[in-house]
Amino acid sequence: MRSILVTGVGGGVGQSIIKALAGSAYEIIGVDSEELAAGLHAVPKAYKGHYASDPRFVDRLLEICIKESCGLIFAGHDVELLPLSENAARFVSKGIVPVVSTPEIVRLCDDKLATNTFLKDHGFPVPDTSPLSKVSRFEQPVVLKPQRGGARSKNTYVARTPKDFDDYVRLVDTGNCIVQEFIEGDEYTCGSITLDNQCVGVIAMRRILRDGDTYKAFVERNPVVESAVREIIEALGPFGACNIQLRVRDGRPLVFEINARCSGTTAARALAGFNEPRMIADYVLQNIKATYEIREISILRYWQEMVVSNERVDQLRETGFLLGDGTRL
């Protein structure tokens, strides 16, 4: 069985992928640019890599994949998606499949204004959205958020009054900010899998956020939400896992964000019977058809401490490699 490389394992997405693949027949190789990244100390083999902005980023991943006979790469951080996508052919030529969509889709999903336009052009209901430069005054409750490069609700503000709006405008990057209608209603994070240009599965989870992360999730069979997500995914045409975030108002799903990757709730979805990384790996590496059986459950998240010896941290810092000691997230 071939190994799988998971990048960005210091963050929630990378660690969630590791958890979803735990117990499978695949050997998991972790990589991160920081030796204190928790995920590096929770896999059988770990490597120190480079930041996505480093010119050596792709070469280092290719080197690790070849050494460890990796058949797949899952990206654990948004900034890693584009360099992986733009260099996908280099990996494929070596028999390695990066689970990433085309550069055009990656760029579209990274740009919330472009995402909103795409959805609107395809007839999907969306919240009113404009660049900050075109909004002169407060007219309704809105969300100010980065147009490109946003993550975990960082630099995101909900303005419910004119004073809120004026105060928050002073805090944002005015050249990279959108103003989006605030939607009252339940919020959902929805996962999907697309293989061979076909959406083969969707899962919907109503959620409660804390500091931008899902910390309580409720798996629901919601035909309206699931149908909307499936239609959007089929119009978009990503590869592998794709995450859609939306709110439901008056029974209608309004999508405000699409992430062309796995999610921080990937492991939670796996607990509910929808294991995106494993289904993708089984299909790509073993030609096993994706199957799932979703359970309607409540998932409560909590922190878990991990003890790592200083010697192991030093070893990773000095050699760039570490063998696991059996610890798991």
C-alpha atoms as a PDB file:
ATOM      1  CA  MET A   1       0.000   0.000   0.000  1.00  0.00           C
ATOM      2  CA  ARG A   2       1.393   3.409  -0.923  1.00  0.00           C
ATOM      3  CA  SER A   3       1.996   6.198   1.537  1.00  0.00           C
ATOM      4  CA  ILE A   4       0.059   9.467   1.707  1.00  0.00           C
ATOM      5  CA  LEU A   5       1.650  12.835   2.343  1.00  0.00           C
ATOM      6  CA  VAL A   6      -0.323  15.372   4.387  1.00  0.00           C
ATOM      7  CA  THR A   7       1.013  18.925   4.388  1.00  0.00           C
ATOM      8  CA  GLY A   8       0.392  21.778   6.801  1.00  0.00           C
ATOM      9  CA  VAL A   9      -0.099  19.429   9.757  1.00  0.00           C
ATOM     10  CA  GLY A  10       0.373  22.238  12.259  1.00  0.00           C
ATOM     11  CA  GLY A  11      -3.155  23.479  11.487  1.00  0.00           C
ATOM     12  CA  GLY A  12      -6.660  22.176  11.956  1.00  0.00           C
ATOM     13  CA  VAL A  13      -7.193  21.010   8.371  1.00  0.00           C
ATOM     14  CA  GLY A  14      -3.984  18.977   8.176  1.00  0.00           C
ATOM     15  CA  GLN A  15      -4.592  17.425  11.585  1.00  0.00           C
ATOM     16  CA  SER A  16      -8.186  16.625  10.652  1.00  0.00           C
ATOM     17  CA  ILE A  17      -6.969  14.757   7.557  1.00  0.00           C
ATOM     18  CA  ILE A  18      -4.521  12.787   9.717  1.00  0.00           C
ATOM     19  CA  LYS A  19      -7.319  11.796  12.094  1.00  0.00           C
ATOM     20  CA  ALA A  20      -9.582  10.731   9.220  1.00  0.00           C
ATOM     21  CA  LEU A  21      -6.841   8.482   7.811  1.00  0.00           C
ATOM     22  CA  ALA A  22      -5.869   6.995  11.187  1.00  0.00           C
ATOM     23  CA  GLY A  23      -6.387   3.254  11.298  1.00  0.00           C
ATOM     24  CA  SER A  24      -6.377   2.894   7.529  1.00  0.00           C
ATOM     25  CA  ALA A  25      -3.958   0.698   5.602  1.00  0.00           C
ATOM     26  CA  TYR A  26      -2.069   3.775   4.383  1.00  0.00           C
ATOM     27  CA  GLU A  27       1.121   5.039   6.005  1.00  0.00           C
ATOM     28  CA  ILE A  28       0.749   8.727   6.734  1.00  0.00           C
ATOM     29  CA  ILE A  29       3.692  11.066   6.212  1.00  0.00           C
ATOM     30  CA  GLY A  30       3.389  14.528   7.732  1.00  0.00           C
ATOM     31  CA  VAL A  31       5.164  17.705   6.674  1.00  0.00           C
ATOM     32  CA  ASP A  32       5.143  21.232   8.057  1.00  0.00           C
ATOM     33  CA  SER A  33       7.480  24.209   8.066  1.00  0.00           C
ATOM     34  CA  GLU A  34       7.487  24.415  11.888  1.00  0.00           C
ATOM     35  CA  GLU A  35       9.090  21.736  14.045  1.00  0.00           C
ATOM     36  CA  LEU A  36       6.544  22.409  16.806  1.00  0.00           C
ATOM     37  CA  ALA A  37       3.609  21.613  14.526  1.00  0.00           C
ATOM     38  CA  ALA A  38       1.588  19.094  16.555  1.00  0.00           C
ATOM     39  CA  GLY A  39       0.749  16.917  13.564  1.00  0.00           C
ATOM     40  CA  LEU A  40       4.426  16.172  12.954  1.00  0.00           C
ATOM     41  CA  HIS A  41       4.499  14.352  16.279  1.00  0.00           C
ATOM     42  CA  ALA A  42       1.368  12.305  15.571  1.00  0.00           C
ATOM     43  CA  VAL A  43       2.349  10.410  12.410  1.00  0.00           C
ATOM     44  CA  PRO A  44       4.657   7.448  11.704  1.00  0.00           C
ATOM     45  CA  LYS A  45       7.082   9.666   9.776  1.00  0.00           C
ATOM     46  CA  ALA A  46       7.461  13.428   9.730  1.00  0.00           C
ATOM     47  CA  TYR A  47       9.501  15.897   7.712  1.00  0.00           C
ATOM     48  CA  LYS A  48      10.213  19.558   8.100  1.00  0.00           C
ATOM     49  CA  GLY A  49       9.302  21.376   4.911  1.00  0.00           C
ATOM     50  CA  HIS A  50       9.213  24.950   3.663  1.00  0.00           C
ATOM     51  CA  TYR A  51       6.593  27.671   3.650  1.00  0.00           C
ATOM     52  CA  ALA A  52       4.400  27.737   0.553  1.00  0.00           C
ATOM     53  CA  SER A  53       5.956  31.093  -0.404  1.00  0.00           C
ATOM     54  CA  ASP A  54       9.458  29.562  -0.416  1.00  0.00           C
ATOM     55  CA  PRO A  55      10.784  28.702  -3.932  1.00  0.00           C
ATOM     56  CA  ARG A  56      11.895  25.346  -2.503  1.00  0.00           C
ATOM     57  CA  PHE A  57       8.378  24.377  -1.329  1.00  0.00           C
ATOM     58  CA  VAL A  58       7.420  22.149  -4.269  1.00  0.00           C
ATOM     59  CA  ASP A  59      10.865  20.589  -4.681  1.00  0.00           C
ATOM     60  CA  ARG A  60      10.887  19.567  -1.026  1.00  0.00           C
ATOM     61  CA  LEU A  61       7.470  17.921  -1.270  1.00  0.00           C
ATOM     62  CA  LEU A  62       8.482  16.088  -4.434  1.00  0.00           C
ATOM     63  CA  GLU A  63      11.669  14.884  -2.724  1.00  0.00           C
ATOM     64  CA  ILE A  64       9.714  13.526   0.261  1.00  0.00           C
ATOM     65  CA  CYS A  65       7.077  11.865  -1.921  1.00  0.00           C
ATOM     66  CA  ILE A  66       9.671  10.041  -3.992  1.00  0.00           C
ATOM     67  CA  LYS A  67      11.614   8.925  -0.922  1.00  0.00           C
ATOM     68  CA  GLU A  68       8.502   7.635   0.859  1.00  0.00           C
ATOM     69  CA  SER A  69       6.706   6.237  -2.230  1.00  0.00           C
ATOM     70  CA  CYS A  70       3.713   8.510  -1.697  1.00  0.00           C
ATOM     71  CA  GLY A  71       0.804   8.069  -4.064  1.00  0.00           C
ATOM     72  CA  LEU A  72      -1.266  11.021  -2.853  1.00  0.00           C
ATOM     73  CA  ILE A  73      -0.819  14.477  -1.359  1.00  0.00           C
ATOM     74  CA  PHE A  74      -3.467  16.203   0.739  1.00  0.00           C
ATOM     75  CA  ALA A  75      -2.914  19.911   1.362  1.00  0.00           C
ATOM     76  CA  GLY A  76      -3.580  21.072   4.910  1.00  0.00           C
ATOM     77  CA  HIS A  77      -3.319  24.802   4.332  1.00  0.00           C
ATOM     78  CA  ASP A  78      -5.008  27.141   1.867  1.00  0.00           C
ATOM     79  CA  VAL A  79      -1.778  28.861   0.792  1.00  0.00           C
ATOM     80  CA  GLU A  80      -0.381  25.506  -0.339  1.00  0.00           C
ATOM     81  CA  LEU A  81      -3.185  24.816  -2.806  1.00  0.00           C
ATOM     82  CA  LEU A  82      -2.091  27.093  -5.638  1.00  0.00           C
ATOM     83  CA  PRO A  83       1.596  26.052  -5.820  1.00  0.00           C
ATOM     84  CA  LEU A  84       0.515  22.415  -5.677  1.00  0.00           C
ATOM     85  CA  SER A  85      -2.078  22.946  -8.383  1.00  0.00           C
ATOM     86  CA  GLU A  86       0.257  24.873 -10.661  1.00  0.00           C
ATOM     87  CA  ASN A  87       2.894  22.131 -10.320  1.00  0.00           C
ATOM     88  CA  ALA A  88       0.537  19.141 -10.361  1.00  0.00           C
ATOM     89  CA  ALA A  89       2.038  17.786 -13.592  1.00  0.00           C
ATOM     90  CA  ARG A  90       5.459  17.444 -11.953  1.00  0.00           C
ATOM     91  CA  PHE A  91       3.972  15.147  -9.318  1.00  0.00           C
ATOM     92  CA  VAL A  92       1.762  13.199 -11.710  1.00  0.00           C
ATOM     93  CA  SER A  93       4.764  12.465 -13.914  1.00  0.00           C
ATOM     94  CA  LYS A  94       6.247  10.625 -10.910  1.00  0.00           C
ATOM     95  CA  GLY A  95       3.052   8.708 -10.173  1.00  0.00           C
ATOM     96  CA  ILE A  96       1.971  11.048  -7.370  1.00  0.00           C
ATOM     97  CA  VAL A  97      -1.525  12.582  -7.344  1.00  0.00           C
ATOM     98  CA  PRO A  98      -2.009  15.905  -5.563  1.00  0.00           C
ATOM     99  CA  VAL A  99      -5.615  16.071  -4.361  1.00  0.00           C
ATOM    100  CA  VAL A 100      -6.146  19.613  -5.592  1.00  0.00           C
ATOM    101  CA  SER A 101      -8.365  21.337  -8.143  1.00  0.00           C
ATOM    102  CA  THR A 102      -7.195  23.342 -11.157  1.00  0.00           C
ATOM    103  CA  PRO A 103      -5.499  26.716 -10.565  1.00  0.00           C
ATOM    104  CA  GLU A 104      -8.604  28.470 -11.923  1.00  0.00           C
ATOM    105  CA  ILE A 105     -10.850  26.821  -9.317  1.00  0.00           C
ATOM    106  CA  VAL A 106      -8.336  27.407  -6.518  1.00  0.00           C
ATOM    107  CA  ARG A 107      -8.157  31.125  -7.373  1.00  0.00           C
ATOM    108  CA  LEU A 108     -11.942  31.389  -7.695  1.00  0.00           C
ATOM    109  CA  CYS A 109     -12.543  29.848  -4.273  1.00  0.00           C
ATOM    110  CA  ASP A 110      -9.855  31.992  -2.654  1.00  0.00           C
ATOM    111  CA  ASP A 111     -11.631  35.134  -3.873  1.00  0.00           C
ATOM    112  CA  LYS A 112     -14.954  35.617  -2.052  1.00  0.00           C
ATOM    113  CA  LEU A 113     -16.161  38.260  -4.492  1.00  0.00           C
ATOM    114  CA  ALA A 114     -15.390  35.997  -7.462  1.00  0.00           C
ATOM    115  CA  THR A 115     -17.108  33.112  -5.640  1.00  0.00           C
ATOM    116  CA  ASN A 116     -20.204  35.245  -5.106  1.00  0.00           C
ATOM    117  CA  THR A 117     -20.240  36.266  -8.785  1.00  0.00           C
ATOM    118  CA  PHE A 118     -19.816  32.658  -9.923  1.00  0.00           C
ATOM    119  CA  LEU A 119     -22.739  31.507  -7.792  1.00  0.00           C
ATOM    120  CA  LYS A 120     -24.951  34.378  -8.909  1.00  0.00           C
ATOM    121  CA  ASP A 121     -24.123  33.791 -12.586  1.00  0.00           C
ATOM    122  CA  HIS A 122     -25.190  30.145 -12.179  1.00  0.00           C
ATOM    123  CA  GLY A 123     -28.516  31.106 -10.629  1.00  0.00           C
ATOM    124  CA  PHE A 124     -27.780  30.220  -7.006  1.00  0.00           C
ATOM    125  CA  PRO A 125     -29.120  32.512  -4.242  1.00  0.00           C
ATOM    126  CA  VAL A 126     -26.345  34.457  -2.510  1.00  0.00           C
ATOM    127  CA  PRO A 127     -26.032  37.228   0.063  1.00  0.00           C
ATOM    128  CA  ASP A 128     -25.596  40.737  -1.358  1.00  0.00           C
ATOM    129  CA  THR A 129     -21.840  41.251  -1.728  1.00  0.00           C
ATOM    130  CA  SER A 130     -19.736  44.219  -2.854  1.00  0.00           C
ATOM    131  CA  PRO A 131     -16.134  45.379  -2.571  1.00  0.00           C
ATOM    132  CA  LEU A 132     -15.718  47.853   0.275  1.00  0.00           C
ATOM    133  CA  SER A 133     -14.704  50.537  -2.245  1.00  0.00           C
ATOM    134  CA  LYS A 134     -18.288  50.549  -3.590  1.00  0.00           C
ATOM    135  CA  VAL A 135     -20.014  50.830  -0.208  1.00  0.00           C
ATOM    136  CA  SER A 136     -20.222  54.391   1.083  1.00  0.00           C
ATOM    137  CA  ARG A 137     -22.450  53.949   4.123  1.00  0.00           C
ATOM    138  CA  PHE A 138     -24.181  51.441   6.390  1.00  0.00           C
ATOM    139  CA  GLU A 139     -27.590  50.299   5.132  1.00  0.00           C
ATOM    140  CA  GLN A 140     -28.137  46.885   6.760  1.00  0.00           C
ATOM    141  CA  PRO A 141     -26.278  44.444   9.055  1.00  0.00           C
ATOM    142  CA  VAL A 142     -23.201  43.296   7.136  1.00  0.00           C
ATOM    143  CA  VAL A 143     -20.048  41.260   7.450  1.00  0.00           C
ATOM    144  CA  LEU A 144     -16.695  42.821   6.538  1.00  0.00           C
ATOM    145  CA  LYS A 145     -14.170  40.168   5.575  1.00  0.00           C
ATOM    146  CA  PRO A 146     -11.033  39.725   3.426  1.00  0.00           C
ATOM    147  CA  GLN A 147     -11.812  39.256  -0.257  1.00  0.00           C
ATOM    148  CA  ARG A 148      -8.779  36.998  -0.756  1.00  0.00           C
ATOM    149  CA  GLY A 149      -6.715  34.924   1.642  1.00  0.00           C
ATOM    150  CA  GLY A 150      -9.086  34.896   4.598  1.00  0.00           C
ATOM    151  CA  ALA A 151      -9.153  32.008   7.070  1.00  0.00           C
ATOM    152  CA  ARG A 152     -10.823  31.136  10.398  1.00  0.00           C
ATOM    153  CA  SER A 153     -12.769  34.426  10.469  1.00  0.00           C
ATOM    154  CA  LYS A 154      -9.544  36.387  10.927  1.00  0.00           C
ATOM    155  CA  ASN A 155     -10.098  40.092  10.235  1.00  0.00           C
ATOM    156  CA  THR A 156     -13.818  39.409   9.884  1.00  0.00           C
ATOM    157  CA  TYR A 157     -16.307  41.731  11.589  1.00  0.00           C
ATOM    158  CA  VAL A 158     -20.088  41.815  11.901  1.00  0.00           C
ATOM    159  CA  ALA A 159     -21.415  45.386  11.749  1.00  0.00           C
ATOM    160  CA  ARG A 160     -24.965  45.721  13.076  1.00  0.00           C
ATOM    161  CA  THR A 161     -25.030  49.513  13.438  1.00  0.00           C
ATOM    162  CA  PRO A 162     -23.610  52.531  11.548  1.00  0.00           C
ATOM    163  CA  LYS A 163     -21.094  53.017  14.378  1.00  0.00           C
ATOM    164  CA  ASP A 164     -19.958  49.384  14.104  1.00  0.00           C
ATOM    165  CA  PHE A 165     -19.459  49.849  10.378  1.00  0.00           C
ATOM    166  CA  ASP A 166     -17.422  53.055  10.754  1.00  0.00           C
ATOM    167  CA  ASP A 167     -15.299  51.517  13.519  1.00  0.00           C
ATOM    168  CA  TYR A 168     -14.560  48.272  11.650  1.00  0.00           C
ATOM    169  CA  VAL A 169     -13.702  50.001   8.374  1.00  0.00           C
ATOM    170  CA  ARG A 170     -10.713  51.462  10.204  1.00  0.00           C
ATOM    171  CA  LEU A 171      -9.491  47.958  11.064  1.00  0.00           C
ATOM    172  CA  VAL A 172      -9.680  46.228   7.691  1.00  0.00           C
ATOM    173  CA  ASP A 173      -7.436  46.255   4.636  1.00  0.00           C
ATOM    174  CA  THR A 174      -9.627  48.492   2.477  1.00  0.00           C
ATOM    175  CA  GLY A 175      -8.020  47.179  -0.714  1.00  0.00           C
ATOM    176  CA  ASN A 176      -8.821  43.561   0.162  1.00  0.00           C
ATOM    177  CA  CYS A 177     -12.222  43.696   1.819  1.00  0.00           C
ATOM    178  CA  ILE A 178     -15.773  42.835   0.850  1.00  0.00           C
ATOM    179  CA  VAL A 179     -19.015  43.901   2.479  1.00  0.00           C
ATOM    180  CA  GLN A 180     -21.508  41.051   2.602  1.00  0.00           C
ATOM    181  CA  GLU A 181     -25.107  41.044   3.749  1.00  0.00           C
ATOM    182  CA  PHE A 182     -25.365  39.379   7.175  1.00  0.00           C
ATOM    183  CA  ILE A 183     -27.694  36.387   6.982  1.00  0.00           C
ATOM    184  CA  GLU A 184     -29.666  35.471  10.087  1.00  0.00           C
ATOM    185  CA  GLY A 185     -30.240  31.727  10.323  1.00  0.00           C
ATOM    186  CA  ASP A 186     -28.572  28.393  10.925  1.00  0.00           C
ATOM    187  CA  GLU A 187     -25.041  28.043   9.570  1.00  0.00           C
ATOM    188  CA  TYR A 188     -23.876  24.878   7.831  1.00  0.00           C
ATOM    189  CA  THR A 189     -20.507  23.505   6.810  1.00  0.00           C
ATOM    190  CA  CYS A 190     -20.944  20.975   4.013  1.00  0.00           C
ATOM    191  CA  GLY A 191     -18.479  18.467   2.647  1.00  0.00           C
ATOM    192  CA  SER A 192     -18.431  16.898  -0.790  1.00  0.00           C
ATOM    193  CA  ILE A 193     -16.364  14.498  -2.869  1.00  0.00           C
ATOM    194  CA  THR A 194     -15.878  14.808  -6.626  1.00  0.00           C
ATOM    195  CA  LEU A 195     -14.170  12.022  -8.566  1.00  0.00           C
ATOM    196  CA  ASP A 196     -13.934  11.801 -12.356  1.00  0.00           C
ATOM    197  CA  ASN A 197     -15.937  15.024 -12.646  1.00  0.00           C
ATOM    198  CA  GLN A 198     -18.870  13.564 -10.719  1.00  0.00           C
ATOM    199  CA  CYS A 199     -20.068  14.578  -7.270  1.00  0.00           C
ATOM    200  CA  VAL A 200     -20.324  11.231  -5.499  1.00  0.00           C
ATOM    201  CA  GLY A 201     -21.377  12.415  -2.056  1.00  0.00           C
ATOM    202  CA  VAL A 202     -22.436  15.306   0.171  1.00  0.00           C
ATOM    203  CA  ILE A 203     -22.721  15.733   3.934  1.00  0.00           C
ATOM    204  CA  ALA A 204     -24.347  18.665   5.754  1.00  0.00           C
ATOM    205  CA  MET A 205     -23.437  19.710   9.295  1.00  0.00           C
ATOM    206  CA  ARG A 206     -25.151  22.510  11.182  1.00  0.00           C
ATOM    207  CA  ARG A 207     -22.535  24.169  13.334  1.00  0.00           C
ATOM    208  CA  ILE A 208     -21.732  26.547  16.163  1.00  0.00           C
ATOM    209  CA  LEU A 209     -18.530  28.561  15.838  1.00  0.00           C
ATOM    210  CA  ARG A 210     -15.982  29.753  18.371  1.00  0.00           C
ATOM    211  CA  ASP A 211     -13.148  32.027  17.215  1.00  0.00           C
ATOM    212  CA  GLY A 212     -13.797  31.068  13.598  1.00  0.00           C
ATOM    213  CA  ASP A 213     -13.622  27.301  14.160  1.00  0.00           C
ATOM    214  CA  THR A 214     -16.443  24.781  14.370  1.00  0.00           C
ATOM    215  CA  TYR A 215     -16.619  23.570  17.957  1.00  0.00           C
ATOM    216  CA  LYS A 216     -20.063  21.964  17.981  1.00  0.00           C
ATOM    217  CA  ALA A 217     -21.436  20.214  14.888  1.00  0.00           C
ATOM    218  CA  PHE A 218     -24.731  18.472  14.249  1.00  0.00           C
ATOM    219  CA  VAL A 219     -24.920  16.079  11.323  1.00  0.00           C
ATOM    220  CA  GLU A 220     -28.304  16.376   9.629  1.00  0.00           C
ATOM    221  CA  ARG A 221     -29.958  14.810   6.600  1.00  0.00           C
ATOM    222  CA  ASN A 222     -31.220  17.996   4.969  1.00  0.00           C
ATOM    223  CA  PRO A 223     -32.368  17.320   1.378  1.00  0.00           C
ATOM    224  CA  VAL A 224     -32.651  21.034   0.506  1.00  0.00           C
ATOM    225  CA  VAL A 225     -29.111  21.849   1.653  1.00  0.00           C
ATOM    226  CA  GLU A 226     -27.631  18.657   0.211  1.00  0.00           C
ATOM    227  CA  SER A 227     -29.273  19.252  -3.175  1.00  0.00           C
ATOM    228  CA  ALA A 228     -28.017  22.842  -3.320  1.00  0.00           C
ATOM    229  CA  VAL A 229     -24.476  21.787  -2.447  1.00  0.00           C
ATOM    230  CA  ARG A 230     -24.494  19.018  -5.043  1.00  0.00           C
ATOM    231  CA  GLU A 231     -25.701  21.393  -7.773  1.00  0.00           C
ATOM    232  CA  ILE A 232     -23.008  23.946  -6.905  1.00  0.00           C
ATOM    233  CA  ILE A 233     -20.276  21.317  -6.871  1.00  0.00           C
ATOM    234  CA  GLU A 234     -21.381  19.972 -10.255  1.00  0.00           C
ATOM    235  CA  ALA A 235     -21.291  23.503 -11.688  1.00  0.00           C
ATOM    236  CA  LEU A 236     -17.855  24.193 -10.194  1.00  0.00           C
ATOM    237  CA  GLY A 237     -16.188  20.886 -11.076  1.00  0.00           C
ATOM    238  CA  PRO A 238     -13.490  20.553  -8.385  1.00  0.00           C
ATOM    239  CA  PHE A 239     -11.366  17.460  -7.730  1.00  0.00           C
ATOM    240  CA  GLY A 240     -11.505  15.603  -4.436  1.00  0.00           C
ATOM    241  CA  ALA A 241     -12.900  17.207  -1.319  1.00  0.00           C
ATOM    242  CA  CYS A 242     -14.614  20.591  -1.431  1.00  0.00           C
ATOM    243  CA  ASN A 243     -16.158  22.467   1.490  1.00  0.00           C
ATOM    244  CA  ILE A 244     -19.148  24.807   1.194  1.00  0.00           C
ATOM    245  CA  GLN A 245     -20.292  27.153   3.949  1.00  0.00           C
ATOM    246  CA  LEU A 246     -23.793  28.582   3.945  1.00  0.00           C
ATOM    247  CA  ARG A 247     -26.664  29.916   6.021  1.00  0.00           C
ATOM    248  CA  VAL A 248     -30.308  28.992   5.635  1.00  0.00           C
ATOM    249  CA  ARG A 249     -32.867  31.812   5.537  1.00  0.00           C
ATOM    250  CA  ASP A 250     -36.560  31.106   5.040  1.00  0.00           C
ATOM    251  CA  GLY A 251     -35.680  27.578   3.954  1.00  0.00           C
ATOM    252  CA  ARG A 252     -33.232  28.731   1.247  1.00  0.00           C
ATOM    253  CA  PRO A 253     -29.481  27.999   1.460  1.00  0.00           C
ATOM    254  CA  LEU A 254     -27.310  31.055   0.743  1.00  0.00           C
ATOM    255  CA  VAL A 255     -23.665  30.175   0.166  1.00  0.00           C
ATOM    256  CA  PHE A 256     -21.027  32.646   1.322  1.00  0.00           C
ATOM    257  CA  GLU A 257     -17.812  30.630   0.995  1.00  0.00           C
ATOM    258  CA  ILE A 258     -16.326  27.700  -0.917  1.00  0.00           C
ATOM    259  CA  ASN A 259     -13.038  26.035   0.065  1.00  0.00           C
ATOM    260  CA  ALA A 260     -11.533  23.780  -2.601  1.00  0.00           C
ATOM    261  CA  ARG A 261      -9.956  21.420  -0.070  1.00  0.00           C
ATOM    262  CA  CYS A 262     -10.625  19.275   2.956  1.00  0.00           C
ATOM    263  CA  SER A 263     -11.899  21.038   6.058  1.00  0.00           C
ATOM    264  CA  GLY A 264     -11.136  21.387   9.737  1.00  0.00           C
ATOM    265  CA  THR A 265     -14.289  19.303  10.223  1.00  0.00           C
ATOM    266  CA  THR A 266     -13.069  16.485   7.962  1.00  0.00           C
ATOM    267  CA  ALA A 267     -12.389  14.245  10.969  1.00  0.00           C
ATOM    268  CA  ALA A 268     -15.833  15.006  12.395  1.00  0.00           C
ATOM    269  CA  ARG A 269     -17.414  13.995   9.085  1.00  0.00           C
ATOM    270  CA  ALA A 270     -15.430  10.775   9.159  1.00  0.00           C
ATOM    271  CA  LEU A 271     -16.915  10.017  12.595  1.00  0.00           C
ATOM    272  CA  ALA A 272     -20.341  10.465  11.010  1.00  0.00           C
ATOM    273  CA  GLY A 273     -19.543   7.922   8.281  1.00  0.00           C
ATOM    274  CA  PHE A 274     -18.403  10.318   5.536  1.00  0.00           C
ATOM    275  CA  ASN A 275     -14.626   9.872   5.412  1.00  0.00           C
ATOM    276  CA  GLU A 276     -13.474  12.091   2.546  1.00  0.00           C
ATOM    277  CA  PRO A 277      -9.687  11.417   2.621  1.00  0.00           C
ATOM    278  CA  ARG A 278     -10.114   7.661   2.867  1.00  0.00           C
ATOM    279  CA  MET A 279     -12.733   7.478   0.109  1.00  0.00           C
ATOM    280  CA  ILE A 280     -10.536   9.587  -2.167  1.00  0.00           C
ATOM    281  CA  ALA A 281      -7.439   7.507  -1.391  1.00  0.00           C
ATOM    282  CA  ASP A 282      -9.258   4.213  -1.905  1.00  0.00           C
ATOM    283  CA  TYR A 283     -10.592   5.359  -5.260  1.00  0.00           C
ATOM    284  CA  VAL A 284      -7.398   6.907  -6.631  1.00  0.00           C
ATOM    285  CA  LEU A 285      -4.942   4.336  -5.309  1.00  0.00           C
ATOM    286  CA  GLN A 286      -7.049   1.146  -5.371  1.00  0.00           C
ATOM    287  CA  ASN A 287      -9.938   1.929  -7.730  1.00  0.00           C
ATOM    288  CA  ILE A 288     -12.438   1.235  -4.941  1.00  0.00           C
ATOM    289  CA  LYS A 289     -15.765   2.955  -5.464  1.00  0.00           C
ATOM    290  CA  ALA A 290     -16.620   5.593  -2.846  1.00  0.00           C
ATOM    291  CA  THR A 291     -19.299   4.430  -0.423  1.00  0.00           C
ATOM    292  CA  TYR A 292     -20.591   5.956   2.787  1.00  0.00           C
ATOM    293  CA  GLU A 293     -23.400   5.757   5.315  1.00  0.00           C
ATOM    294  CA  ILE A 294     -24.025   9.001   7.167  1.00  0.00           C
ATOM    295  CA  ARG A 295     -25.109   8.910  10.817  1.00  0.00           C
ATOM    296  CA  GLU A 296     -27.002  11.844  12.296  1.00  0.00           C
ATOM    297  CA  ILE A 297     -24.950  12.624  15.382  1.00  0.00           C
ATOM    298  CA  SER A 298     -23.760  15.553  17.496  1.00  0.00           C
ATOM    299  CA  ILE A 299     -20.021  16.195  17.654  1.00  0.00           C
ATOM    300  CA  LEU A 300     -18.459  18.223  20.471  1.00  0.00           C
ATOM    301  CA  ARG A 301     -14.831  19.254  20.021  1.00  0.00           C
ATOM    302  CA  TYR A 302     -12.233  19.717  22.739  1.00  0.00           C
ATOM    303  CA  TRP A 303      -8.515  20.333  23.111  1.00  0.00           C
ATOM    304  CA  GLN A 304      -6.200  17.405  23.757  1.00  0.00           C
ATOM    305  CA  GLU A 305      -2.699  17.868  25.138  1.00  0.00           C
ATOM    306  CA  MET A 306       0.317  16.242  23.510  1.00  0.00           C
ATOM    307  CA  VAL A 307       3.622  15.771  25.295  1.00  0.00           C
ATOM    308  CA  VAL A 308       6.723  15.873  23.067  1.00  0.00           C
ATOM    309  CA  SER A 309      10.250  15.536  24.364  1.00  0.00           C
ATOM    310  CA  ASN A 310      12.628  18.411  23.697  1.00  0.00           C
ATOM    311  CA  GLU A 311      15.041  15.914  22.164  1.00  0.00           C
ATOM    312  CA  ARG A 312      12.528  15.006  19.470  1.00  0.00           C
ATOM    313  CA  VAL A 313      11.873  18.660  18.686  1.00  0.00           C
ATOM    314  CA  ASP A 314      15.628  19.255  18.420  1.00  0.00           C
ATOM    315  CA  GLN A 315      16.019  16.212  16.175  1.00  0.00           C
ATOM    316  CA  LEU A 316      13.377  17.486  13.795  1.00  0.00           C
ATOM    317  CA  ARG A 317      14.894  20.957  13.796  1.00  0.00           C
ATOM    318  CA  GLU A 318      18.399  19.658  13.091  1.00  0.00           C
ATOM    319  CA  THR A 319      17.755  16.771  10.694  1.00  0.00           C
ATOM    320  CA  GLY A 320      14.383  17.676   9.175  1.00  0.00           C
ATOM    321  CA  PHE A 321      13.105  14.123   9.815  1.00  0.00           C
ATOM    322  CA  LEU A 322      11.412  12.269  12.640  1.00  0.00           C
ATOM    323  CA  LEU A 323      10.126   8.739  13.194  1.00  0.00           C
ATOM    324  CA  GLY A 324       6.861   8.547  15.100  1.00  0.00           C
ATOM    325  CA  ASP A 325       6.659   7.200  18.639  1.00  0.00           C
ATOM    326  CA  GLY A 326       3.091   5.935  18.523  1.00  0.00           C
ATOM    327  CA  THR A 327       1.445   9.167  19.658  1.00  0.00           C
ATOM    328  CA  ARG A 328      -1.811  10.036  17.928  1.00  0.00           C
ATOM    329  CA  LEU A 329      -3.940  13.146  17.871  1.00  0.00           C
END
